[in-house]
């Protein structure tokens, strides 16, 4: 009987030890995941899936600004935007979000590592309004800031802060032109 108890205790001890090791490994894996989530990346699946196209911002004064941008027109691409991308990736790019129809949703900067300028365009491509958005990288505390257009929009252009001169973006007189070529 004493041998059975010792064997039973030893078995229980092994099970507990195994559970402790597994638990510690899982906690370590979760902690490593959280650390990874606070670091930037040079690419994401959504970023890689966005097509590149050329767009033009045309003003009534005859000024044209041509930009090569990524097009976010799929739900995963629209939801991801610049999230988790390193500042050096953001500094050399732009994203044009195409919702396919007019919407009134808001934008946030959660998990974005660099400041951005945002420009909202109507269904017809006329500029509605702009804003400069502050980065909120992973681990940022506090209330999230939300950015929105003054009226429903179809297109949103996000660029690194200062890439497009403010003088080129005049609500009501600046128009977005999409290229049919990549």
N, C-alpha and C. Protein backbone atom coordinates (compact mmCIF):
# COMPACT_ATOMS: atom_id res chain seq x y z
N UNK A 1 0.83 -1.18 0.00
CA UNK A 1 0.00 0.00 0.00
C UNK A 1 0.88 1.25 0.00
N UNK A 2 1.96 1.24 0.81
CA UNK A 2 2.86 2.38 0.88
C UNK A 2 3.50 2.63 -0.50
N UNK A 3 3.86 1.54 -1.20
CA UNK A 3 4.48 1.66 -2.52
C UNK A 3 3.50 2.28 -3.52
N UNK A 4 2.21 1.89 -3.39
CA UNK A 4 1.18 2.45 -4.28
C UNK A 4 1.04 3.95 -4.06
N UNK A 5 1.04 4.38 -2.78
CA UNK A 5 0.92 5.81 -2.47
C UNK A 5 2.10 6.59 -3.03
N UNK A 6 3.31 6.02 -2.86
CA UNK A 6 4.51 6.71 -3.37
C UNK A 6 4.45 6.81 -4.88
N UNK A 7 4.04 5.72 -5.53
CA UNK A 7 3.93 5.73 -6.99
C UNK A 7 2.87 6.74 -7.44
N UNK A 8 1.75 6.77 -6.70
CA UNK A 8 0.68 7.71 -7.01
C UNK A 8 1.16 9.15 -6.81
N UNK A 9 1.87 9.41 -5.71
CA UNK A 9 2.41 10.75 -5.45
C UNK A 9 3.41 11.15 -6.53
N UNK A 10 4.27 10.20 -6.91
CA UNK A 10 5.26 10.47 -7.94
C UNK A 10 4.57 10.79 -9.26
N UNK A 11 3.51 10.03 -9.60
CA UNK A 11 2.76 10.29 -10.83
C UNK A 11 2.10 11.67 -10.77
N UNK A 12 1.52 11.99 -9.61
CA UNK A 12 0.89 13.31 -9.46
C UNK A 12 1.93 14.41 -9.58
N UNK A 13 3.10 14.19 -8.99
CA UNK A 13 4.17 15.17 -9.06
C UNK A 13 4.60 15.38 -10.52
N UNK A 14 4.74 14.28 -11.27
CA UNK A 14 5.14 14.39 -12.68
C UNK A 14 4.09 15.16 -13.47
N UNK A 15 2.82 14.89 -13.22
CA UNK A 15 1.74 15.59 -13.92
C UNK A 15 1.78 17.08 -13.59
N UNK A 16 1.94 17.40 -12.31
CA UNK A 16 2.02 18.80 -11.90
C UNK A 16 3.23 19.49 -12.53
N UNK A 17 4.37 18.80 -12.51
CA UNK A 17 5.60 19.38 -13.09
C UNK A 17 5.41 19.60 -14.59
N UNK A 18 4.82 18.64 -15.28
CA UNK A 18 4.57 18.76 -16.71
C UNK A 18 3.63 19.95 -16.97
N UNK A 19 2.58 20.05 -16.15
CA UNK A 19 1.63 21.16 -16.30
C UNK A 19 2.29 22.51 -16.08
N UNK A 20 3.19 22.57 -15.10
CA UNK A 20 3.92 23.80 -14.82
C UNK A 20 4.81 24.19 -15.99
N UNK A 21 5.52 23.22 -16.56
CA UNK A 21 6.40 23.48 -17.71
C UNK A 21 5.58 23.95 -18.90
N UNK A 22 4.49 23.27 -19.18
CA UNK A 22 3.62 23.66 -20.30
C UNK A 22 3.06 25.06 -20.06
N UNK A 23 2.60 25.32 -18.84
CA UNK A 23 2.06 26.64 -18.51
C UNK A 23 3.10 27.73 -18.68
N UNK A 24 4.32 27.49 -18.22
CA UNK A 24 5.38 28.48 -18.38
C UNK A 24 5.72 28.71 -19.85
N UNK A 25 5.75 27.63 -20.62
CA UNK A 25 6.03 27.78 -22.05
C UNK A 25 4.94 28.61 -22.73
N UNK A 26 3.68 28.34 -22.39
CA UNK A 26 2.58 29.09 -22.98
C UNK A 26 2.66 30.56 -22.59
N UNK A 27 2.95 30.84 -21.31
CA UNK A 27 3.07 32.23 -20.86
C UNK A 27 4.20 32.92 -21.58
N UNK A 28 5.34 32.22 -21.76
CA UNK A 28 6.48 32.80 -22.45
C UNK A 28 6.12 33.09 -23.90
N UNK A 29 5.42 32.15 -24.54
CA UNK A 29 5.01 32.35 -25.93
C UNK A 29 4.09 33.55 -26.06
N UNK A 30 3.13 33.69 -25.11
CA UNK A 30 2.22 34.84 -25.13
C UNK A 30 2.98 36.14 -24.91
N UNK A 31 3.91 36.13 -23.99
CA UNK A 31 4.71 37.33 -23.72
C UNK A 31 5.53 37.70 -24.95
N UNK A 32 6.12 36.70 -25.60
CA UNK A 32 6.90 36.97 -26.81
C UNK A 32 6.00 37.55 -27.90
N UNK A 33 4.76 37.01 -28.01
CA UNK A 33 3.79 37.53 -28.98
C UNK A 33 3.49 38.99 -28.70
N UNK A 34 3.27 39.34 -27.42
CA UNK A 34 2.95 40.71 -27.07
C UNK A 34 4.12 41.63 -27.37
N UNK A 35 5.34 41.18 -27.11
CA UNK A 35 6.52 41.99 -27.43
C UNK A 35 6.59 42.20 -28.93
N UNK A 36 6.34 41.15 -29.69
CA UNK A 36 6.38 41.26 -31.15
C UNK A 36 5.31 42.24 -31.62
N UNK A 37 4.15 42.24 -30.99
CA UNK A 37 3.07 43.13 -31.39
C UNK A 37 3.39 44.60 -31.16
N UNK A 38 4.37 44.89 -30.32
CA UNK A 38 4.72 46.29 -30.08
C UNK A 38 5.85 46.76 -30.99
N UNK A 39 6.38 45.88 -31.81
CA UNK A 39 7.46 46.28 -32.72
C UNK A 39 6.90 46.46 -34.12
N UNK A 40 7.57 47.31 -34.89
CA UNK A 40 7.09 47.56 -36.25
C UNK A 40 7.61 46.49 -37.20
N UNK A 41 6.99 46.44 -38.36
CA UNK A 41 7.35 45.47 -39.39
C UNK A 41 7.58 46.20 -40.71
N UNK A 42 8.34 45.59 -41.57
CA UNK A 42 8.56 46.19 -42.89
C UNK A 42 7.51 45.75 -43.89
N UNK A 43 6.65 44.82 -43.47
CA UNK A 43 5.60 44.34 -44.36
C UNK A 43 4.53 43.63 -43.55
N UNK A 44 3.32 43.63 -44.07
CA UNK A 44 2.23 42.83 -43.50
C UNK A 44 1.51 42.16 -44.67
N UNK A 45 0.72 41.17 -44.38
CA UNK A 45 -0.02 40.48 -45.44
C UNK A 45 -0.93 41.45 -46.19
N UNK A 46 -1.63 42.31 -45.44
CA UNK A 46 -2.53 43.27 -46.08
C UNK A 46 -1.74 44.26 -46.95
N UNK A 47 -0.62 44.74 -46.44
CA UNK A 47 0.22 45.69 -47.18
C UNK A 47 0.69 45.06 -48.49
N UNK A 48 1.14 43.81 -48.42
CA UNK A 48 1.63 43.12 -49.61
C UNK A 48 0.53 42.87 -50.64
N UNK A 49 -0.71 42.76 -50.18
CA UNK A 49 -1.81 42.46 -51.12
C UNK A 49 -2.33 43.71 -51.84
N UNK A 50 -1.98 44.91 -51.34
CA UNK A 50 -2.47 46.14 -51.98
C UNK A 50 -1.75 46.36 -53.32
N UNK A 51 -2.54 46.69 -54.35
CA UNK A 51 -1.97 47.01 -55.66
C UNK A 51 -1.41 48.43 -55.63
N UNK A 52 -0.45 48.69 -56.51
CA UNK A 52 0.08 50.05 -56.65
C UNK A 52 -0.53 50.70 -57.88
N UNK A 53 -0.91 51.96 -57.73
CA UNK A 53 -1.46 52.73 -58.85
C UNK A 53 -0.98 54.17 -58.75
N UNK A 54 -1.12 54.87 -59.85
CA UNK A 54 -0.78 56.28 -59.89
C UNK A 54 -2.06 57.09 -59.79
N UNK A 55 -2.03 58.12 -58.95
CA UNK A 55 -3.17 59.03 -58.82
C UNK A 55 -2.67 60.45 -59.06
N UNK A 56 -3.59 61.35 -59.30
CA UNK A 56 -3.23 62.76 -59.45
C UNK A 56 -4.17 63.59 -58.58
N UNK A 57 -3.62 64.60 -57.95
CA UNK A 57 -4.41 65.60 -57.23
C UNK A 57 -4.38 66.84 -58.11
N UNK A 58 -5.53 67.22 -58.61
CA UNK A 58 -5.64 68.31 -59.57
C UNK A 58 -6.43 69.44 -58.94
N UNK A 59 -5.87 70.64 -58.97
CA UNK A 59 -6.57 71.79 -58.39
C UNK A 59 -7.20 72.63 -59.49
N UNK A 60 -8.18 73.43 -59.10
CA UNK A 60 -8.82 74.34 -60.05
C UNK A 60 -7.84 75.39 -60.56
N UNK A 61 -6.73 75.58 -59.86
CA UNK A 61 -5.71 76.55 -60.27
C UNK A 61 -4.75 75.96 -61.29
N UNK A 62 -4.96 74.71 -61.66
CA UNK A 62 -4.10 74.07 -62.66
C UNK A 62 -2.92 73.32 -62.11
N UNK A 63 -2.78 73.26 -60.79
CA UNK A 63 -1.68 72.50 -60.19
C UNK A 63 -2.01 71.01 -60.19
N UNK A 64 -1.04 70.21 -60.60
CA UNK A 64 -1.19 68.75 -60.60
C UNK A 64 -0.08 68.14 -59.75
N UNK A 65 -0.45 67.23 -58.88
CA UNK A 65 0.52 66.48 -58.09
C UNK A 65 0.26 65.01 -58.35
N UNK A 66 1.25 64.31 -58.91
CA UNK A 66 1.11 62.89 -59.24
C UNK A 66 1.80 62.07 -58.15
N UNK A 67 1.09 61.05 -57.66
CA UNK A 67 1.60 60.18 -56.60
C UNK A 67 1.40 58.72 -56.97
N UNK A 68 2.36 57.89 -56.62
CA UNK A 68 2.20 56.44 -56.72
C UNK A 68 1.78 55.98 -55.34
N UNK A 69 0.64 55.29 -55.24
CA UNK A 69 0.09 54.87 -53.95
C UNK A 69 -0.32 53.41 -53.97
N UNK A 70 -0.49 52.86 -52.79
CA UNK A 70 -1.09 51.54 -52.64
C UNK A 70 -2.60 51.74 -52.60
N UNK A 71 -3.35 50.82 -53.17
CA UNK A 71 -4.81 50.89 -53.17
C UNK A 71 -5.36 49.88 -52.17
N UNK A 72 -6.10 50.38 -51.18
CA UNK A 72 -6.77 49.52 -50.20
C UNK A 72 -8.25 49.50 -50.56
N UNK A 73 -8.69 48.41 -51.18
CA UNK A 73 -10.10 48.33 -51.57
C UNK A 73 -10.76 47.03 -51.12
N UNK A 74 -10.01 46.19 -50.42
CA UNK A 74 -10.55 44.96 -49.85
C UNK A 74 -10.68 45.15 -48.34
N UNK A 75 -11.67 44.52 -47.70
CA UNK A 75 -11.88 44.73 -46.26
C UNK A 75 -10.63 44.57 -45.41
N UNK A 76 -9.85 43.53 -45.64
CA UNK A 76 -8.63 43.31 -44.84
C UNK A 76 -7.63 44.45 -45.04
N UNK A 77 -7.50 44.93 -46.28
CA UNK A 77 -6.58 46.03 -46.58
C UNK A 77 -7.05 47.33 -45.93
N UNK A 78 -8.35 47.58 -46.02
CA UNK A 78 -8.92 48.81 -45.45
C UNK A 78 -8.76 48.81 -43.93
N UNK A 79 -9.00 47.68 -43.30
CA UNK A 79 -8.87 47.60 -41.83
C UNK A 79 -7.42 47.75 -41.39
N UNK A 80 -6.47 47.24 -42.17
CA UNK A 80 -5.07 47.24 -41.76
C UNK A 80 -4.37 48.58 -42.02
N UNK A 81 -4.53 49.13 -43.20
CA UNK A 81 -3.85 50.38 -43.53
C UNK A 81 -2.38 50.33 -43.19
N UNK A 82 -1.90 51.33 -42.43
CA UNK A 82 -0.49 51.42 -42.03
C UNK A 82 -0.18 50.74 -40.70
N UNK A 83 -1.13 50.01 -40.12
CA UNK A 83 -0.90 49.42 -38.81
C UNK A 83 0.32 48.49 -38.82
N UNK A 84 1.15 48.65 -37.80
CA UNK A 84 2.34 47.85 -37.53
C UNK A 84 3.49 48.09 -38.51
N UNK A 85 3.34 48.95 -39.51
CA UNK A 85 4.42 49.19 -40.46
C UNK A 85 5.42 50.19 -39.88
N UNK A 86 6.70 49.95 -40.13
CA UNK A 86 7.78 50.81 -39.63
C UNK A 86 7.72 52.19 -40.27
N UNK A 87 8.18 53.21 -39.54
CA UNK A 87 8.18 54.57 -40.09
C UNK A 87 8.86 54.69 -41.44
N UNK A 88 9.95 53.95 -41.67
CA UNK A 88 10.63 54.05 -42.97
C UNK A 88 9.79 53.52 -44.12
N UNK A 89 8.87 52.60 -43.86
CA UNK A 89 7.94 52.14 -44.90
C UNK A 89 6.90 53.23 -45.16
N UNK A 90 6.38 53.80 -44.08
CA UNK A 90 5.36 54.84 -44.17
C UNK A 90 5.90 56.07 -44.88
N UNK A 91 7.15 56.46 -44.58
CA UNK A 91 7.74 57.67 -45.14
C UNK A 91 7.82 57.66 -46.66
N UNK A 92 7.84 56.49 -47.26
CA UNK A 92 8.03 56.36 -48.71
C UNK A 92 6.79 55.84 -49.43
N UNK A 93 5.61 56.13 -48.88
CA UNK A 93 4.42 55.54 -49.49
C UNK A 93 3.18 56.39 -49.25
N UNK A 94 2.10 55.97 -49.85
CA UNK A 94 0.79 56.55 -49.62
C UNK A 94 -0.24 55.45 -49.82
N UNK A 95 -1.39 55.59 -49.18
CA UNK A 95 -2.47 54.62 -49.36
C UNK A 95 -3.72 55.37 -49.77
N UNK A 96 -4.38 54.90 -50.83
CA UNK A 96 -5.68 55.41 -51.20
C UNK A 96 -6.71 54.33 -50.84
N UNK A 97 -7.59 54.66 -49.91
CA UNK A 97 -8.67 53.75 -49.52
C UNK A 97 -9.85 54.02 -50.45
N UNK A 98 -10.35 52.97 -51.09
CA UNK A 98 -11.53 53.10 -51.97
C UNK A 98 -12.61 52.21 -51.38
N UNK A 99 -13.66 52.83 -50.83
CA UNK A 99 -14.74 52.09 -50.19
C UNK A 99 -15.79 51.60 -51.18
N UNK A 100 -15.69 52.01 -52.45
CA UNK A 100 -16.64 51.55 -53.46
C UNK A 100 -17.96 52.29 -53.46
N UNK A 101 -18.28 52.94 -52.38
CA UNK A 101 -19.52 53.70 -52.23
C UNK A 101 -19.26 54.74 -51.13
N UNK A 102 -20.18 55.65 -50.95
CA UNK A 102 -19.97 56.66 -49.91
C UNK A 102 -20.20 56.04 -48.53
N UNK A 103 -19.35 56.44 -47.59
CA UNK A 103 -19.41 55.96 -46.21
C UNK A 103 -19.20 57.14 -45.26
N UNK A 104 -19.40 56.90 -43.99
CA UNK A 104 -19.21 57.94 -42.97
C UNK A 104 -18.41 57.44 -41.77
N UNK A 105 -17.61 56.42 -41.96
CA UNK A 105 -16.86 55.85 -40.84
C UNK A 105 -15.72 56.78 -40.41
N UNK A 106 -15.09 56.44 -39.29
CA UNK A 106 -13.99 57.25 -38.76
C UNK A 106 -12.68 56.46 -38.85
N UNK A 107 -11.58 57.18 -38.83
CA UNK A 107 -10.26 56.58 -38.89
C UNK A 107 -9.56 56.76 -37.55
N UNK A 108 -8.68 55.81 -37.21
CA UNK A 108 -7.87 55.90 -35.99
C UNK A 108 -6.41 55.66 -36.36
N UNK A 109 -5.54 55.90 -35.40
CA UNK A 109 -4.10 55.70 -35.62
C UNK A 109 -3.54 54.62 -34.71
N UNK A 110 -4.39 53.77 -34.18
CA UNK A 110 -3.94 52.69 -33.31
C UNK A 110 -2.95 51.80 -34.06
N UNK A 111 -1.83 51.51 -33.43
CA UNK A 111 -0.78 50.65 -33.98
C UNK A 111 -0.07 51.26 -35.20
N UNK A 112 -0.08 52.58 -35.32
CA UNK A 112 0.62 53.26 -36.40
C UNK A 112 1.80 54.02 -35.78
N UNK A 113 2.97 53.90 -36.40
CA UNK A 113 4.22 54.39 -35.83
C UNK A 113 4.67 55.77 -36.31
N UNK A 114 3.97 56.41 -37.25
CA UNK A 114 4.41 57.71 -37.77
C UNK A 114 3.20 58.60 -38.02
N UNK A 115 3.38 59.92 -37.93
CA UNK A 115 2.26 60.83 -38.19
C UNK A 115 1.85 60.79 -39.67
N UNK A 116 0.56 60.97 -39.90
CA UNK A 116 0.02 60.93 -41.26
C UNK A 116 -0.86 62.14 -41.52
N UNK A 117 -0.94 62.51 -42.80
CA UNK A 117 -1.97 63.45 -43.25
C UNK A 117 -3.06 62.62 -43.88
N UNK A 118 -4.30 63.01 -43.65
CA UNK A 118 -5.44 62.29 -44.21
C UNK A 118 -6.30 63.28 -44.98
N UNK A 119 -6.76 62.84 -46.16
CA UNK A 119 -7.61 63.68 -47.01
C UNK A 119 -8.82 62.85 -47.43
N UNK A 120 -10.00 63.40 -47.21
CA UNK A 120 -11.26 62.72 -47.54
C UNK A 120 -11.80 63.28 -48.85
N UNK A 121 -12.20 62.40 -49.76
CA UNK A 121 -12.72 62.80 -51.07
C UNK A 121 -14.12 62.23 -51.28
N UNK A 122 -14.97 63.00 -51.94
CA UNK A 122 -16.35 62.58 -52.23
C UNK A 122 -16.38 61.48 -53.28
N UNK A 123 -17.57 60.99 -53.55
CA UNK A 123 -17.79 59.98 -54.60
C UNK A 123 -17.25 60.48 -55.94
N UNK A 124 -17.36 61.79 -56.19
CA UNK A 124 -16.91 62.38 -57.45
C UNK A 124 -15.42 62.69 -57.43
N UNK A 125 -14.77 62.57 -56.27
CA UNK A 125 -13.34 62.83 -56.18
C UNK A 125 -12.98 64.23 -55.72
N UNK A 126 -13.96 65.00 -55.24
CA UNK A 126 -13.70 66.35 -54.75
C UNK A 126 -13.26 66.29 -53.28
N UNK A 127 -12.20 67.04 -52.96
CA UNK A 127 -11.69 67.05 -51.59
C UNK A 127 -12.72 67.65 -50.63
N UNK A 128 -12.99 66.94 -49.55
CA UNK A 128 -13.94 67.40 -48.52
C UNK A 128 -13.19 68.12 -47.41
N UNK A 129 -12.21 67.45 -46.79
CA UNK A 129 -11.40 68.07 -45.76
C UNK A 129 -10.17 67.22 -45.48
N UNK A 130 -9.23 67.79 -44.72
CA UNK A 130 -7.99 67.12 -44.39
C UNK A 130 -7.74 67.22 -42.88
N UNK A 131 -6.80 66.42 -42.40
CA UNK A 131 -6.37 66.48 -41.00
C UNK A 131 -4.99 65.86 -40.91
N UNK A 132 -4.27 66.22 -39.87
CA UNK A 132 -3.00 65.56 -39.55
C UNK A 132 -3.26 64.66 -38.36
N UNK A 133 -2.86 63.41 -38.48
CA UNK A 133 -3.12 62.41 -37.44
C UNK A 133 -1.84 62.07 -36.69
N UNK A 134 -1.95 61.97 -35.38
CA UNK A 134 -0.81 61.65 -34.52
C UNK A 134 -0.68 60.15 -34.36
N UNK A 135 0.57 59.64 -34.36
CA UNK A 135 0.76 58.19 -34.19
C UNK A 135 0.34 57.70 -32.82
N UNK A 136 -0.16 56.48 -32.79
CA UNK A 136 -0.52 55.78 -31.55
C UNK A 136 0.03 54.36 -31.65
N UNK A 137 1.37 54.20 -31.51
CA UNK A 137 1.96 52.87 -31.66
C UNK A 137 1.44 51.89 -30.61
N UNK A 138 1.63 50.58 -30.85
CA UNK A 138 1.20 49.58 -29.87
C UNK A 138 1.74 49.94 -28.48
N UNK A 139 0.93 49.75 -27.48
CA UNK A 139 1.33 50.06 -26.12
C UNK A 139 0.99 51.48 -25.70
N UNK A 140 0.49 52.30 -26.64
CA UNK A 140 0.11 53.67 -26.29
C UNK A 140 -1.08 53.63 -25.34
N UNK A 141 -1.00 54.46 -24.33
CA UNK A 141 -2.09 54.51 -23.35
C UNK A 141 -2.99 55.70 -23.65
N UNK A 142 -4.16 55.66 -23.09
CA UNK A 142 -5.07 56.79 -23.23
C UNK A 142 -6.16 56.55 -24.25
N UNK A 143 -7.01 57.55 -24.35
CA UNK A 143 -8.15 57.48 -25.25
C UNK A 143 -7.69 57.63 -26.71
N UNK A 144 -8.25 56.84 -27.59
CA UNK A 144 -7.92 56.89 -29.01
C UNK A 144 -8.58 58.12 -29.65
N UNK A 145 -7.82 58.77 -30.53
CA UNK A 145 -8.37 59.89 -31.29
C UNK A 145 -8.97 59.35 -32.58
N UNK A 146 -10.15 59.82 -32.92
CA UNK A 146 -10.81 59.41 -34.15
C UNK A 146 -10.89 60.60 -35.10
N UNK A 147 -10.69 60.32 -36.39
CA UNK A 147 -10.68 61.35 -37.43
C UNK A 147 -11.79 61.04 -38.42
N UNK A 148 -12.50 62.09 -38.84
CA UNK A 148 -13.60 61.85 -39.78
C UNK A 148 -13.76 63.01 -40.74
N UNK A 149 -14.51 62.73 -41.80
CA UNK A 149 -14.80 63.75 -42.81
C UNK A 149 -16.01 64.57 -42.37
N UNK A 150 -16.13 65.75 -42.96
CA UNK A 150 -17.26 66.63 -42.65
C UNK A 150 -18.55 66.14 -43.30
N UNK A 151 -18.42 65.28 -44.30
CA UNK A 151 -19.58 64.72 -44.98
C UNK A 151 -19.20 63.34 -45.52
N UNK A 152 -20.18 62.55 -45.98
CA UNK A 152 -19.86 61.21 -46.49
C UNK A 152 -18.80 61.27 -47.61
N UNK A 153 -17.99 60.25 -47.69
CA UNK A 153 -16.89 60.19 -48.64
C UNK A 153 -16.78 58.79 -49.23
N UNK A 154 -16.04 58.68 -50.34
CA UNK A 154 -15.75 57.38 -50.93
C UNK A 154 -14.26 57.05 -50.83
N UNK A 155 -13.42 58.06 -51.00
CA UNK A 155 -11.97 57.85 -51.03
C UNK A 155 -11.30 58.55 -49.86
N UNK A 156 -10.24 57.93 -49.37
CA UNK A 156 -9.41 58.55 -48.34
C UNK A 156 -7.96 58.34 -48.74
N UNK A 157 -7.21 59.42 -48.73
CA UNK A 157 -5.78 59.36 -49.03
C UNK A 157 -5.00 59.59 -47.74
N UNK A 158 -4.17 58.61 -47.38
CA UNK A 158 -3.27 58.76 -46.23
C UNK A 158 -1.85 58.84 -46.77
N UNK A 159 -1.12 59.87 -46.34
CA UNK A 159 0.27 60.04 -46.74
C UNK A 159 1.09 60.43 -45.51
N UNK A 160 2.41 60.24 -45.58
CA UNK A 160 3.24 60.70 -44.47
C UNK A 160 3.02 62.20 -44.26
N UNK A 161 3.05 62.62 -43.02
CA UNK A 161 2.83 64.03 -42.70
C UNK A 161 3.78 64.91 -43.51
N UNK A 162 3.20 65.88 -44.22
CA UNK A 162 3.99 66.85 -44.98
C UNK A 162 4.35 66.44 -46.39
N UNK A 163 4.04 65.20 -46.80
CA UNK A 163 4.38 64.76 -48.16
C UNK A 163 3.65 65.60 -49.21
N UNK A 164 2.36 65.82 -48.99
CA UNK A 164 1.56 66.63 -49.90
C UNK A 164 1.45 68.02 -49.29
N UNK A 165 1.99 69.03 -49.96
CA UNK A 165 1.90 70.39 -49.40
C UNK A 165 0.46 70.80 -49.17
N UNK A 166 0.22 71.44 -48.03
CA UNK A 166 -1.13 71.88 -47.67
C UNK A 166 -1.72 72.79 -48.74
N UNK A 167 -0.86 73.52 -49.45
CA UNK A 167 -1.36 74.42 -50.51
C UNK A 167 -1.96 73.66 -51.68
N UNK A 168 -1.62 72.37 -51.80
CA UNK A 168 -2.17 71.55 -52.88
C UNK A 168 -3.54 70.96 -52.52
N UNK A 169 -3.91 71.02 -51.25
CA UNK A 169 -5.14 70.39 -50.80
C UNK A 169 -6.13 71.44 -50.31
N UNK A 170 -6.95 71.92 -51.21
CA UNK A 170 -7.93 72.95 -50.89
C UNK A 170 -9.33 72.33 -51.05
N UNK A 171 -10.06 72.20 -49.92
CA UNK A 171 -11.41 71.60 -50.02
C UNK A 171 -12.27 72.30 -51.07
N UNK A 172 -12.96 71.48 -51.84
CA UNK A 172 -13.86 72.00 -52.87
C UNK A 172 -13.19 72.32 -54.18
N UNK A 173 -11.85 72.52 -54.18
CA UNK A 173 -11.17 72.87 -55.44
C UNK A 173 -10.10 71.87 -55.85
N UNK A 174 -9.78 70.91 -54.97
CA UNK A 174 -8.83 69.85 -55.31
C UNK A 174 -9.60 68.59 -55.65
N UNK A 175 -9.19 67.93 -56.72
CA UNK A 175 -9.90 66.73 -57.20
C UNK A 175 -8.93 65.57 -57.33
N UNK A 176 -9.41 64.40 -56.99
CA UNK A 176 -8.66 63.16 -57.09
C UNK A 176 -8.94 62.54 -58.45
N UNK A 177 -7.89 62.21 -59.18
CA UNK A 177 -8.02 61.53 -60.48
C UNK A 177 -7.29 60.20 -60.37
N UNK A 178 -8.01 59.14 -60.68
CA UNK A 178 -7.44 57.80 -60.63
C UNK A 178 -6.92 57.41 -62.00
N UNK A 179 -5.75 56.81 -62.04
CA UNK A 179 -5.18 56.33 -63.28
C UNK A 179 -5.75 54.95 -63.57
N UNK A 180 -5.90 54.63 -64.84
CA UNK A 180 -6.35 53.28 -65.21
C UNK A 180 -5.15 52.35 -65.33
N UNK A 181 -3.95 52.93 -65.26
CA UNK A 181 -2.73 52.12 -65.34
C UNK A 181 -2.16 51.91 -63.94
N UNK A 182 -1.44 50.77 -63.75
CA UNK A 182 -0.82 50.53 -62.44
C UNK A 182 0.25 51.56 -62.13
